[in-house]
């Protein structure tokens, strides 16, 4: 499109006298458009048209660090983000340069895992920029600094087992930066607490040999040597050792043997006691032949029955000599 009095060669500069001569030949509407174009942002240069991300903060737990920010909303478009950090070295020795985080370059997420980049216990600054095509926002910088020493440490997850008389503990792996301080004791003997420090946790760890039937308790805390900090202790877990089955078996066998012996000897003892009482009450006296009388059988039976009745009524045990004398006096 051409305007009267305006030639393409007339747009030779934007300053000086020649520019003034050229503008004098332009229609008023074209002059207005030209001035607006000079004052407007250049889209091809990536000047600011998007708002910068806001609410930039860090969530840090157990030495895992995540940068988060609020999204930049553009209807019908997908906004991408890039993240950069600046450590103490960059500020002091690299002219305040910033290092991009490759894992969070042109990402659509509003969270960035910066754990691998925060590798020293120094103060870091972080910033985020929104991008839509060739259009970029200004950098949104997190307020203040972040130092990994401020990370939140939580107690370890643990499982305590009593395998026979062995006290075992299993700890959840939290990464190479962590070590664990485990305290264990016999319940009722809290003044004699023992401890074990473990740097690597691959499986069950044996803590102690337990007493039969005793209860043992365990608790643990995490420690990060790089920042010289420890977590609080986990809740206390207690387990009881099994009772001594060998002693129980010996007791059971002894009881069974005693019962068997009693069952076998009781009838014999009963028979023996009855015999002792019989001989004590009515002992059998053997008379010499000279003392025997030749009486009819009926008379002997009568005498025998009378004596038997007397014996049944007697409760006093008499020596056999006295019984013999008494029998002689009665027969004379």
C-alpha atoms as a PDB file:
ATOM      1  CA  UNK A   1       0.000   0.000   0.000  1.00  0.00           C
ATOM      2  CA  UNK A   2       1.386   3.394  -1.017  1.00  0.00           C
ATOM      3  CA  UNK A   3       0.429   6.820   0.228  1.00  0.00           C
ATOM      4  CA  UNK A   4       0.465  10.016  -1.891  1.00  0.00           C
ATOM      5  CA  UNK A   5       3.698  11.920  -1.597  1.00  0.00           C
ATOM      6  CA  UNK A   6       5.445   8.961   0.168  1.00  0.00           C
ATOM      7  CA  UNK A   7       8.159   6.928  -1.430  1.00  0.00           C
ATOM      8  CA  UNK A   8       9.736   3.795   0.110  1.00  0.00           C
ATOM      9  CA  UNK A   9      13.145   5.390   0.009  1.00  0.00           C
ATOM     10  CA  UNK A  10      11.929   8.172   2.263  1.00  0.00           C
ATOM     11  CA  UNK A  11      12.078   5.829   5.314  1.00  0.00           C
ATOM     12  CA  UNK A  12      15.795   6.187   5.721  1.00  0.00           C
ATOM     13  CA  UNK A  13      16.187   7.056   9.399  1.00  0.00           C
ATOM     14  CA  UNK A  14      14.366   7.864  12.560  1.00  0.00           C
ATOM     15  CA  UNK A  15      16.571  10.706  13.817  1.00  0.00           C
ATOM     16  CA  UNK A  16      18.116  13.905  12.529  1.00  0.00           C
ATOM     17  CA  UNK A  17      17.057  16.381   9.894  1.00  0.00           C
ATOM     18  CA  UNK A  18      16.517  13.859   7.132  1.00  0.00           C
ATOM     19  CA  UNK A  19      13.955  12.037   9.293  1.00  0.00           C
ATOM     20  CA  UNK A  20      12.154  15.328   9.830  1.00  0.00           C
ATOM     21  CA  UNK A  21      12.040  15.974   6.093  1.00  0.00           C
ATOM     22  CA  UNK A  22      10.684  12.496   5.465  1.00  0.00           C
ATOM     23  CA  UNK A  23       8.006  12.830   8.119  1.00  0.00           C
ATOM     24  CA  UNK A  24       6.929  16.170   6.620  1.00  0.00           C
ATOM     25  CA  UNK A  25       6.002  14.369   3.421  1.00  0.00           C
ATOM     26  CA  UNK A  26       3.917  11.674   5.269  1.00  0.00           C
ATOM     27  CA  UNK A  27       0.174  11.899   5.800  1.00  0.00           C
ATOM     28  CA  UNK A  28      -0.916  12.473   9.442  1.00  0.00           C
ATOM     29  CA  UNK A  29      -2.377   8.940   9.815  1.00  0.00           C
ATOM     30  CA  UNK A  30       0.825   7.330   8.663  1.00  0.00           C
ATOM     31  CA  UNK A  31       2.854   9.482  11.026  1.00  0.00           C
ATOM     32  CA  UNK A  32       0.676   8.253  13.934  1.00  0.00           C
ATOM     33  CA  UNK A  33       1.148   4.617  12.929  1.00  0.00           C
ATOM     34  CA  UNK A  34       4.867   5.113  12.578  1.00  0.00           C
ATOM     35  CA  UNK A  35       5.228   6.647  16.052  1.00  0.00           C
ATOM     36  CA  UNK A  36       3.107   3.889  17.614  1.00  0.00           C
ATOM     37  CA  UNK A  37       5.316   1.267  16.001  1.00  0.00           C
ATOM     38  CA  UNK A  38       8.410   2.913  17.468  1.00  0.00           C
ATOM     39  CA  UNK A  39       6.982   2.983  20.992  1.00  0.00           C
ATOM     40  CA  UNK A  40       5.412  -0.531  20.937  1.00  0.00           C
ATOM     41  CA  UNK A  41       7.337  -3.603  22.160  1.00  0.00           C
ATOM     42  CA  UNK A  42       9.121  -5.663  19.540  1.00  0.00           C
ATOM     43  CA  UNK A  43       7.557  -9.156  19.650  1.00  0.00           C
ATOM     44  CA  UNK A  44      10.411 -10.717  17.718  1.00  0.00           C
ATOM     45  CA  UNK A  45      12.845  -9.567  20.387  1.00  0.00           C
ATOM     46  CA  UNK A  46      10.976 -11.372  23.189  1.00  0.00           C
ATOM     47  CA  UNK A  47      10.096  -8.232  25.156  1.00  0.00           C
ATOM     48  CA  UNK A  48       7.643  -8.364  28.039  1.00  0.00           C
ATOM     49  CA  UNK A  49       4.044  -9.241  27.218  1.00  0.00           C
ATOM     50  CA  UNK A  50       3.407 -12.043  29.782  1.00  0.00           C
ATOM     51  CA  UNK A  51       3.176 -11.456  33.534  1.00  0.00           C
ATOM     52  CA  UNK A  52       6.012 -12.924  35.572  1.00  0.00           C
ATOM     53  CA  UNK A  53       5.260 -16.023  37.753  1.00  0.00           C
ATOM     54  CA  UNK A  54       4.260 -15.200  41.315  1.00  0.00           C
ATOM     55  CA  UNK A  55       4.251 -16.940  44.737  1.00  0.00           C
ATOM     56  CA  UNK A  56       7.658 -18.536  44.174  1.00  0.00           C
ATOM     57  CA  UNK A  57       8.659 -20.713  47.128  1.00  0.00           C
ATOM     58  CA  UNK A  58      10.563 -23.875  48.065  1.00  0.00           C
ATOM     59  CA  UNK A  59       9.282 -27.035  49.714  1.00  0.00           C
ATOM     60  CA  UNK A  60      12.190 -28.919  51.296  1.00  0.00           C
ATOM     61  CA  UNK A  61      11.823 -32.175  53.243  1.00  0.00           C
ATOM     62  CA  UNK A  62      14.499 -34.790  53.996  1.00  0.00           C
ATOM     63  CA  UNK A  63      17.025 -33.130  51.662  1.00  0.00           C
ATOM     64  CA  UNK A  64      14.637 -33.141  48.711  1.00  0.00           C
ATOM     65  CA  UNK A  65      13.992 -29.601  47.394  1.00  0.00           C
ATOM     66  CA  UNK A  66      11.170 -28.486  45.101  1.00  0.00           C
ATOM     67  CA  UNK A  67      10.612 -24.992  43.684  1.00  0.00           C
ATOM     68  CA  UNK A  68       6.952 -24.075  43.137  1.00  0.00           C
ATOM     69  CA  UNK A  69       5.125 -21.071  41.667  1.00  0.00           C
ATOM     70  CA  UNK A  70       1.647 -19.981  40.652  1.00  0.00           C
ATOM     71  CA  UNK A  71       0.709 -20.557  36.987  1.00  0.00           C
ATOM     72  CA  UNK A  72       0.468 -17.829  34.380  1.00  0.00           C
ATOM     73  CA  UNK A  73      -2.958 -18.155  32.740  1.00  0.00           C
ATOM     74  CA  UNK A  74      -3.413 -17.468  29.031  1.00  0.00           C
ATOM     75  CA  UNK A  75      -6.734 -18.581  27.562  1.00  0.00           C
ATOM     76  CA  UNK A  76      -6.352 -21.191  24.835  1.00  0.00           C
ATOM     77  CA  UNK A  77      -2.569 -21.409  25.136  1.00  0.00           C
ATOM     78  CA  UNK A  78       0.006 -23.496  26.997  1.00  0.00           C
ATOM     79  CA  UNK A  79       2.512 -21.443  28.929  1.00  0.00           C
ATOM     80  CA  UNK A  80       5.952 -22.931  29.547  1.00  0.00           C
ATOM     81  CA  UNK A  81       8.468 -22.065  32.261  1.00  0.00           C
ATOM     82  CA  UNK A  82      12.229 -21.985  32.688  1.00  0.00           C
ATOM     83  CA  UNK A  83      14.121 -22.006  36.012  1.00  0.00           C
ATOM     84  CA  UNK A  84      17.588 -20.711  36.883  1.00  0.00           C
ATOM     85  CA  UNK A  85      19.623 -20.636  40.101  1.00  0.00           C
ATOM     86  CA  UNK A  86      22.509 -18.621  41.466  1.00  0.00           C
ATOM     87  CA  UNK A  87      24.827 -19.902  44.148  1.00  0.00           C
ATOM     88  CA  UNK A  88      27.492 -18.266  46.250  1.00  0.00           C
ATOM     89  CA  UNK A  89      30.164 -18.945  43.642  1.00  0.00           C
ATOM     90  CA  UNK A  90      28.149 -17.302  40.841  1.00  0.00           C
ATOM     91  CA  UNK A  91      27.550 -14.218  42.969  1.00  0.00           C
ATOM     92  CA  UNK A  92      31.094 -13.832  44.235  1.00  0.00           C
ATOM     93  CA  UNK A  93      33.285 -15.098  41.389  1.00  0.00           C
ATOM     94  CA  UNK A  94      31.178 -15.295  38.186  1.00  0.00           C
ATOM     95  CA  UNK A  95      29.841 -11.733  37.906  1.00  0.00           C
ATOM     96  CA  UNK A  96      26.426 -12.644  39.294  1.00  0.00           C
ATOM     97  CA  UNK A  97      25.654 -15.116  36.513  1.00  0.00           C
ATOM     98  CA  UNK A  98      22.694 -17.492  36.587  1.00  0.00           C
ATOM     99  CA  UNK A  99      22.718 -21.210  35.727  1.00  0.00           C
ATOM    100  CA  UNK A 100      19.708 -22.780  33.975  1.00  0.00           C
ATOM    101  CA  UNK A 101      18.248 -25.995  35.371  1.00  0.00           C
ATOM    102  CA  UNK A 102      18.019 -28.354  32.402  1.00  0.00           C
ATOM    103  CA  UNK A 103      15.276 -30.520  33.946  1.00  0.00           C
ATOM    104  CA  UNK A 104      13.039 -27.444  34.181  1.00  0.00           C
ATOM    105  CA  UNK A 105      13.681 -25.783  30.827  1.00  0.00           C
ATOM    106  CA  UNK A 106      10.453 -24.947  28.966  1.00  0.00           C
ATOM    107  CA  UNK A 107       8.435 -27.177  31.273  1.00  0.00           C
ATOM    108  CA  UNK A 108       4.659 -26.980  31.530  1.00  0.00           C
ATOM    109  CA  UNK A 109       4.654 -27.935  35.208  1.00  0.00           C
ATOM    110  CA  UNK A 110       4.600 -25.377  38.010  1.00  0.00           C
ATOM    111  CA  UNK A 111       7.013 -27.356  40.191  1.00  0.00           C
ATOM    112  CA  UNK A 112      10.710 -28.073  39.656  1.00  0.00           C
ATOM    113  CA  UNK A 113      12.894 -30.614  41.453  1.00  0.00           C
ATOM    114  CA  UNK A 114      16.075 -28.698  42.251  1.00  0.00           C
ATOM    115  CA  UNK A 115      17.609 -31.297  44.600  1.00  0.00           C
ATOM    116  CA  UNK A 116      20.556 -32.155  42.343  1.00  0.00           C
ATOM    117  CA  UNK A 117      21.388 -28.494  41.738  1.00  0.00           C
ATOM    118  CA  UNK A 118      21.387 -27.498  45.425  1.00  0.00           C
ATOM    119  CA  UNK A 119      24.595 -29.432  46.114  1.00  0.00           C
ATOM    120  CA  UNK A 120      26.283 -27.218  48.720  1.00  0.00           C
ATOM    121  CA  UNK A 121      25.299 -25.814  52.087  1.00  0.00           C
ATOM    122  CA  UNK A 122      25.306 -22.174  50.915  1.00  0.00           C
ATOM    123  CA  UNK A 123      22.680 -19.542  50.164  1.00  0.00           C
ATOM    124  CA  UNK A 124      20.956 -19.899  46.775  1.00  0.00           C
ATOM    125  CA  UNK A 125      18.700 -17.582  44.788  1.00  0.00           C
ATOM    126  CA  UNK A 126      16.164 -18.928  42.277  1.00  0.00           C
ATOM    127  CA  UNK A 127      14.032 -17.386  39.552  1.00  0.00           C
ATOM    128  CA  UNK A 128      11.336 -18.454  37.070  1.00  0.00           C
ATOM    129  CA  UNK A 129      10.250 -17.040  33.704  1.00  0.00           C
ATOM    130  CA  UNK A 130       7.099 -17.718  31.676  1.00  0.00           C
ATOM    131  CA  UNK A 131       7.270 -18.211  27.907  1.00  0.00           C
ATOM    132  CA  UNK A 132       4.613 -18.410  25.200  1.00  0.00           C
ATOM    133  CA  UNK A 133       6.098 -18.935  21.776  1.00  0.00           C
ATOM    134  CA  UNK A 134       8.608 -16.128  21.224  1.00  0.00           C
ATOM    135  CA  UNK A 135       7.063 -14.045  23.990  1.00  0.00           C
ATOM    136  CA  UNK A 136       8.698 -14.094  27.413  1.00  0.00           C
ATOM    137  CA  UNK A 137       7.867 -12.634  30.794  1.00  0.00           C
ATOM    138  CA  UNK A 138      10.226 -10.896  33.132  1.00  0.00           C
ATOM    139  CA  UNK A 139      12.010 -13.134  35.643  1.00  0.00           C
ATOM    140  CA  UNK A 140      10.117 -13.787  38.844  1.00  0.00           C
ATOM    141  CA  UNK A 141      12.687 -14.123  41.644  1.00  0.00           C
ATOM    142  CA  UNK A 142      12.080 -15.897  44.930  1.00  0.00           C
ATOM    143  CA  UNK A 143      12.176 -13.626  47.943  1.00  0.00           C
ATOM    144  CA  UNK A 144      15.249 -14.142  50.067  1.00  0.00           C
ATOM    145  CA  UNK A 145      17.699 -17.030  49.877  1.00  0.00           C
ATOM    146  CA  UNK A 146      17.426 -20.778  50.315  1.00  0.00           C
ATOM    147  CA  UNK A 147      19.933 -22.893  52.232  1.00  0.00           C
ATOM    148  CA  UNK A 148      19.478 -26.662  52.402  1.00  0.00           C
ATOM    149  CA  UNK A 149      20.358 -26.595  56.107  1.00  0.00           C
ATOM    150  CA  UNK A 150      16.771 -25.456  56.676  1.00  0.00           C
ATOM    151  CA  UNK A 151      15.293 -28.666  55.212  1.00  0.00           C
ATOM    152  CA  UNK A 152      12.699 -30.401  57.375  1.00  0.00           C
ATOM    153  CA  UNK A 153      13.879 -33.779  58.707  1.00  0.00           C
ATOM    154  CA  UNK A 154      11.331 -36.432  59.666  1.00  0.00           C
ATOM    155  CA  UNK A 155      11.854 -39.559  61.824  1.00  0.00           C
ATOM    156  CA  UNK A 156      12.470 -42.786  59.904  1.00  0.00           C
ATOM    157  CA  UNK A 157       9.818 -45.404  59.244  1.00  0.00           C
ATOM    158  CA  UNK A 158      10.799 -48.616  61.010  1.00  0.00           C
ATOM    159  CA  UNK A 159       9.505 -52.137  61.633  1.00  0.00           C
ATOM    160  CA  UNK A 160      10.557 -54.122  64.714  1.00  0.00           C
ATOM    161  CA  UNK A 161      10.397 -57.921  64.818  1.00  0.00           C
ATOM    162  CA  UNK A 162      11.123 -60.642  67.373  1.00  0.00           C
ATOM    163  CA  UNK A 163      12.401 -63.685  65.483  1.00  0.00           C
ATOM    164  CA  UNK A 164      12.728 -66.289  68.204  1.00  0.00           C
ATOM    165  CA  UNK A 165      15.194 -64.655  70.591  1.00  0.00           C
ATOM    166  CA  UNK A 166      16.573 -62.187  68.001  1.00  0.00           C
ATOM    167  CA  UNK A 167      15.585 -58.500  68.086  1.00  0.00           C
ATOM    168  CA  UNK A 168      15.452 -57.234  64.483  1.00  0.00           C
ATOM    169  CA  UNK A 169      14.734 -53.809  62.967  1.00  0.00           C
ATOM    170  CA  UNK A 170      13.995 -52.751  59.379  1.00  0.00           C
ATOM    171  CA  UNK A 171      14.373 -49.086  58.362  1.00  0.00           C
ATOM    172  CA  UNK A 172      13.052 -47.368  55.239  1.00  0.00           C
ATOM    173  CA  UNK A 173      15.811 -46.201  52.885  1.00  0.00           C
ATOM    174  CA  UNK A 174      15.933 -42.382  52.738  1.00  0.00           C
ATOM    175  CA  UNK A 175      18.922 -41.901  50.461  1.00  0.00           C
ATOM    176  CA  UNK A 176      22.725 -41.881  50.688  1.00  0.00           C
ATOM    177  CA  UNK A 177      22.871 -38.665  52.703  1.00  0.00           C
ATOM    178  CA  UNK A 178      21.106 -40.249  55.685  1.00  0.00           C
ATOM    179  CA  UNK A 179      22.272 -42.360  58.571  1.00  0.00           C
ATOM    180  CA  UNK A 180      20.210 -43.721  61.451  1.00  0.00           C
ATOM    181  CA  UNK A 181      20.674 -43.725  65.214  1.00  0.00           C
ATOM    182  CA  UNK A 182      18.741 -46.618  66.755  1.00  0.00           C
ATOM    183  CA  UNK A 183      18.093 -46.911  70.508  1.00  0.00           C
ATOM    184  CA  UNK A 184      16.884 -50.172  72.068  1.00  0.00           C
ATOM    185  CA  UNK A 185      16.386 -51.469  75.600  1.00  0.00           C
ATOM    186  CA  UNK A 186      14.699 -54.137  77.686  1.00  0.00           C
ATOM    187  CA  UNK A 187      11.393 -52.855  79.038  1.00  0.00           C
ATOM    188  CA  UNK A 188      11.716 -51.947  82.689  1.00  0.00           C
ATOM    189  CA  UNK A 189      15.446 -51.256  82.265  1.00  0.00           C
ATOM    190  CA  UNK A 190      15.272 -47.840  80.569  1.00  0.00           C
ATOM    191  CA  UNK A 191      18.449 -46.720  82.339  1.00  0.00           C
ATOM    192  CA  UNK A 192      20.443 -49.285  80.315  1.00  0.00           C
ATOM    193  CA  UNK A 193      19.655 -48.042  76.800  1.00  0.00           C
ATOM    194  CA  UNK A 194      21.917 -49.275  74.005  1.00  0.00           C
ATOM    195  CA  UNK A 195      22.425 -47.604  70.628  1.00  0.00           C
ATOM    196  CA  UNK A 196      23.553 -48.546  67.129  1.00  0.00           C
ATOM    197  CA  UNK A 197      24.409 -46.160  64.254  1.00  0.00           C
ATOM    198  CA  UNK A 198      23.723 -47.448  60.750  1.00  0.00           C
ATOM    199  CA  UNK A 199      24.818 -45.724  57.545  1.00  0.00           C
ATOM    200  CA  UNK A 200      23.406 -48.171  55.031  1.00  0.00           C
ATOM    201  CA  UNK A 201      20.110 -49.993  55.306  1.00  0.00           C
ATOM    202  CA  UNK A 202      19.621 -52.883  52.909  1.00  0.00           C
ATOM    203  CA  UNK A 203      17.610 -55.417  54.937  1.00  0.00           C
ATOM    204  CA  UNK A 204      16.786 -56.503  58.463  1.00  0.00           C
ATOM    205  CA  UNK A 205      19.414 -55.557  61.051  1.00  0.00           C
ATOM    206  CA  UNK A 206      20.075 -57.641  64.172  1.00  0.00           C
ATOM    207  CA  UNK A 207      20.159 -55.504  67.311  1.00  0.00           C
ATOM    208  CA  UNK A 208      20.334 -57.879  70.272  1.00  0.00           C
ATOM    209  CA  UNK A 209      19.647 -61.366  71.656  1.00  0.00           C
ATOM    210  CA  UNK A 210      16.507 -61.277  73.788  1.00  0.00           C
ATOM    211  CA  UNK A 211      15.730 -63.002  77.056  1.00  0.00           C
ATOM    212  CA  UNK A 212      12.914 -65.546  76.937  1.00  0.00           C
ATOM    213  CA  UNK A 213       9.529 -63.898  77.519  1.00  0.00           C
ATOM    214  CA  UNK A 214      11.028 -60.403  77.945  1.00  0.00           C
ATOM    215  CA  UNK A 215       9.757 -57.291  76.140  1.00  0.00           C
ATOM    216  CA  UNK A 216      12.154 -55.035  74.225  1.00  0.00           C
ATOM    217  CA  UNK A 217      11.573 -51.526  72.806  1.00  0.00           C
ATOM    218  CA  UNK A 218      13.140 -49.671  69.845  1.00  0.00           C
ATOM    219  CA  UNK A 219      13.095 -46.087  68.508  1.00  0.00           C
ATOM    220  CA  UNK A 220      15.205 -44.296  65.884  1.00  0.00           C
ATOM    221  CA  UNK A 221      16.097 -40.899  64.414  1.00  0.00           C
ATOM    222  CA  UNK A 222      17.681 -39.734  61.153  1.00  0.00           C
ATOM    223  CA  UNK A 223      20.907 -37.758  60.900  1.00  0.00           C
ATOM    224  CA  UNK A 224      22.385 -35.870  57.923  1.00  0.00           C
ATOM    225  CA  UNK A 225      26.094 -35.315  58.269  1.00  0.00           C
ATOM    226  CA  UNK A 226      26.266 -32.763  55.430  1.00  0.00           C
ATOM    227  CA  UNK A 227      24.175 -30.271  57.396  1.00  0.00           C
ATOM    228  CA  UNK A 228      24.929 -31.698  60.877  1.00  0.00           C
ATOM    229  CA  UNK A 229      21.275 -32.001  61.831  1.00  0.00           C
ATOM    230  CA  UNK A 230      19.088 -34.765  63.240  1.00  0.00           C
ATOM    231  CA  UNK A 231      15.367 -35.416  63.217  1.00  0.00           C
ATOM    232  CA  UNK A 232      13.202 -36.118  66.234  1.00  0.00           C
ATOM    233  CA  UNK A 233      12.805 -39.733  67.387  1.00  0.00           C
ATOM    234  CA  UNK A 234      10.224 -42.049  65.926  1.00  0.00           C
ATOM    235  CA  UNK A 235       7.425 -43.509  68.078  1.00  0.00           C
ATOM    236  CA  UNK A 236       8.602 -46.368  70.298  1.00  0.00           C
ATOM    237  CA  UNK A 237       7.908 -49.902  69.046  1.00  0.00           C
ATOM    238  CA  UNK A 238       7.957 -52.830  71.517  1.00  0.00           C
ATOM    239  CA  UNK A 239       7.978 -56.605  70.905  1.00  0.00           C
ATOM    240  CA  UNK A 240       8.085 -59.619  73.217  1.00  0.00           C
ATOM    241  CA  UNK A 241      10.401 -62.605  72.874  1.00  0.00           C
ATOM    242  CA  UNK A 242       8.942 -66.100  72.829  1.00  0.00           C
ATOM    243  CA  UNK A 243       8.930 -68.110  76.036  1.00  0.00           C
ATOM    244  CA  UNK A 244      11.421 -70.942  76.653  1.00  0.00           C
ATOM    245  CA  UNK A 245       9.687 -73.917  75.016  1.00  0.00           C
ATOM    246  CA  UNK A 246      12.333 -76.381  76.220  1.00  0.00           C
ATOM    247  CA  UNK A 247      11.527 -75.671  79.882  1.00  0.00           C
ATOM    248  CA  UNK A 248       7.846 -75.994  79.148  1.00  0.00           C
ATOM    249  CA  UNK A 249       8.469 -79.351  77.465  1.00  0.00           C
ATOM    250  CA  UNK A 250      10.498 -80.620  80.424  1.00  0.00           C
ATOM    251  CA  UNK A 251       7.754 -79.564  82.809  1.00  0.00           C
ATOM    252  CA  UNK A 252       5.097 -81.250  80.703  1.00  0.00           C
ATOM    253  CA  UNK A 253       7.093 -84.492  80.460  1.00  0.00           C
ATOM    254  CA  UNK A 254       7.799 -84.485  84.199  1.00  0.00           C
ATOM    255  CA  UNK A 255       4.126 -83.980  84.989  1.00  0.00           C
ATOM    256  CA  UNK A 256       3.105 -86.762  82.619  1.00  0.00           C
ATOM    257  CA  UNK A 257       5.658 -89.160  84.098  1.00  0.00           C
ATOM    258  CA  UNK A 258       4.520 -88.350  87.628  1.00  0.00           C
ATOM    259  CA  UNK A 259       0.917 -88.960  86.708  1.00  0.00           C
ATOM    260  CA  UNK A 260       1.801 -92.302  85.112  1.00  0.00           C
ATOM    261  CA  UNK A 261       3.797 -93.422  88.158  1.00  0.00           C
ATOM    262  CA  UNK A 262       0.968 -92.382  90.481  1.00  0.00           C
ATOM    263  CA  UNK A 263      -1.585 -94.238  88.358  1.00  0.00           C
ATOM    264  CA  UNK A 264       0.501 -97.433  88.483  1.00  0.00           C
ATOM    265  CA  UNK A 265       1.506 -97.353  92.167  1.00  0.00           C
ATOM    266  CA  UNK A 266      -1.823 -96.243  93.659  1.00  0.00           C
ATOM    267  CA  UNK A 267      -3.551 -99.659  93.368  1.00  0.00           C
ATOM    268  CA  UNK A 268      -0.512-101.397  94.876  1.00  0.00           C
ATOM    269  CA  UNK A 269      -0.342 -98.916  97.740  1.00  0.00           C
ATOM    270  CA  UNK A 270      -4.056 -99.364  98.399  1.00  0.00           C
ATOM    271  CA  UNK A 271      -3.686-103.154  98.524  1.00  0.00           C
ATOM    272  CA  UNK A 272      -0.602-102.913 100.753  1.00  0.00           C
ATOM    273  CA  UNK A 273      -2.271-100.548 103.216  1.00  0.00           C
ATOM    274  CA  UNK A 274      -5.317-102.800 103.449  1.00  0.00           C
ATOM    275  CA  UNK A 275      -3.069-105.755 104.287  1.00  0.00           C
ATOM    276  CA  UNK A 276      -1.241-103.779 106.926  1.00  0.00           C
ATOM    277  CA  UNK A 277      -4.511-102.848 108.610  1.00  0.00           C
ATOM    278  CA  UNK A 278      -5.727-106.442 108.406  1.00  0.00           C
ATOM    279  CA  UNK A 279      -2.630-107.881 110.076  1.00  0.00           C
ATOM    280  CA  UNK A 280      -2.576-105.107 112.631  1.00  0.00           C
ATOM    281  CA  UNK A 281      -6.180-105.712 113.735  1.00  0.00           C
ATOM    282  CA  UNK A 282      -6.325-109.486 113.433  1.00  0.00           C
ATOM    283  CA  UNK A 283      -2.872-111.020 113.279  1.00  0.00           C
ATOM    284  CA  UNK A 284      -2.717-114.758 112.539  1.00  0.00           C
ATOM    285  CA  UNK A 285      -1.069-116.758 115.347  1.00  0.00           C
ATOM    286  CA  UNK A 286       0.359-120.194 114.610  1.00  0.00           C
ATOM    287  CA  UNK A 287      -0.137-122.594 117.610  1.00  0.00           C
ATOM    288  CA  UNK A 288       2.113-125.549 118.378  1.00  0.00           C
ATOM    289  CA  UNK A 289       0.602-128.987 118.021  1.00  0.00           C
ATOM    290  CA  UNK A 290       0.660-129.619 121.834  1.00  0.00           C
ATOM    291  CA  UNK A 291      -1.715-126.695 122.387  1.00  0.00           C
ATOM    292  CA  UNK A 292      -4.283-127.842 119.892  1.00  0.00           C
ATOM    293  CA  UNK A 293      -7.450-129.545 121.238  1.00  0.00           C
ATOM    294  CA  UNK A 294      -9.162-132.426 119.597  1.00  0.00           C
ATOM    295  CA  UNK A 295     -12.632-131.022 119.390  1.00  0.00           C
ATOM    296  CA  UNK A 296     -15.391-131.812 117.001  1.00  0.00           C
ATOM    297  CA  UNK A 297     -15.310-129.786 113.848  1.00  0.00           C
ATOM    298  CA  UNK A 298     -18.538-128.024 114.752  1.00  0.00           C
ATOM    299  CA  UNK A 299     -17.120-126.894 118.070  1.00  0.00           C
ATOM    300  CA  UNK A 300     -13.977-125.660 116.413  1.00  0.00           C
ATOM    301  CA  UNK A 301     -16.045-123.773 113.906  1.00  0.00           C
ATOM    302  CA  UNK A 302     -18.090-122.245 116.728  1.00  0.00           C
ATOM    303  CA  UNK A 303     -14.963-121.207 118.580  1.00  0.00           C
ATOM    304  CA  UNK A 304     -13.510-119.809 115.379  1.00  0.00           C
ATOM    305  CA  UNK A 305     -16.646-117.824 114.607  1.00  0.00           C
ATOM    306  CA  UNK A 306     -16.784-116.392 118.097  1.00  0.00           C
ATOM    307  CA  UNK A 307     -13.173-115.364 117.967  1.00  0.00           C
ATOM    308  CA  UNK A 308     -13.738-113.823 114.517  1.00  0.00           C
ATOM    309  CA  UNK A 309     -16.596-111.758 115.846  1.00  0.00           C
ATOM    310  CA  UNK A 310     -14.438-110.575 118.720  1.00  0.00           C
ATOM    311  CA  UNK A 311     -11.683-109.660 116.320  1.00  0.00           C
ATOM    312  CA  UNK A 312     -14.094-107.651 114.238  1.00  0.00           C
ATOM    313  CA  UNK A 313     -15.045-105.613 117.307  1.00  0.00           C
ATOM    314  CA  UNK A 314     -11.487-104.980 118.464  1.00  0.00           C
ATOM    315  CA  UNK A 315      -9.806-101.729 117.558  1.00  0.00           C
ATOM    316  CA  UNK A 316      -6.672-102.098 119.735  1.00  0.00           C
ATOM    317  CA  UNK A 317      -3.680-103.821 118.190  1.00  0.00           C
ATOM    318  CA  UNK A 318      -2.293-106.462 120.587  1.00  0.00           C
ATOM    319  CA  UNK A 319       1.019-108.295 120.335  1.00  0.00           C
ATOM    320  CA  UNK A 320       0.856-111.912 119.271  1.00  0.00           C
ATOM    321  CA  UNK A 321       2.239-113.147 122.705  1.00  0.00           C
ATOM    322  CA  UNK A 322      -0.671-111.529 124.545  1.00  0.00           C
ATOM    323  CA  UNK A 323      -3.169-113.000 122.105  1.00  0.00           C
ATOM    324  CA  UNK A 324      -1.668-116.474 122.674  1.00  0.00           C
ATOM    325  CA  UNK A 325      -1.866-116.172 126.502  1.00  0.00           C
ATOM    326  CA  UNK A 326      -5.469-114.964 126.276  1.00  0.00           C
ATOM    327  CA  UNK A 327      -6.399-117.869 124.045  1.00  0.00           C
ATOM    328  CA  UNK A 328      -4.763-120.380 126.451  1.00  0.00           C
ATOM    329  CA  UNK A 329      -6.635-118.991 129.481  1.00  0.00           C
ATOM    330  CA  UNK A 330      -9.943-119.275 127.673  1.00  0.00           C
ATOM    331  CA  UNK A 331      -9.366-122.848 126.652  1.00  0.00           C
ATOM    332  CA  UNK A 332      -8.397-124.031 130.160  1.00  0.00           C
END
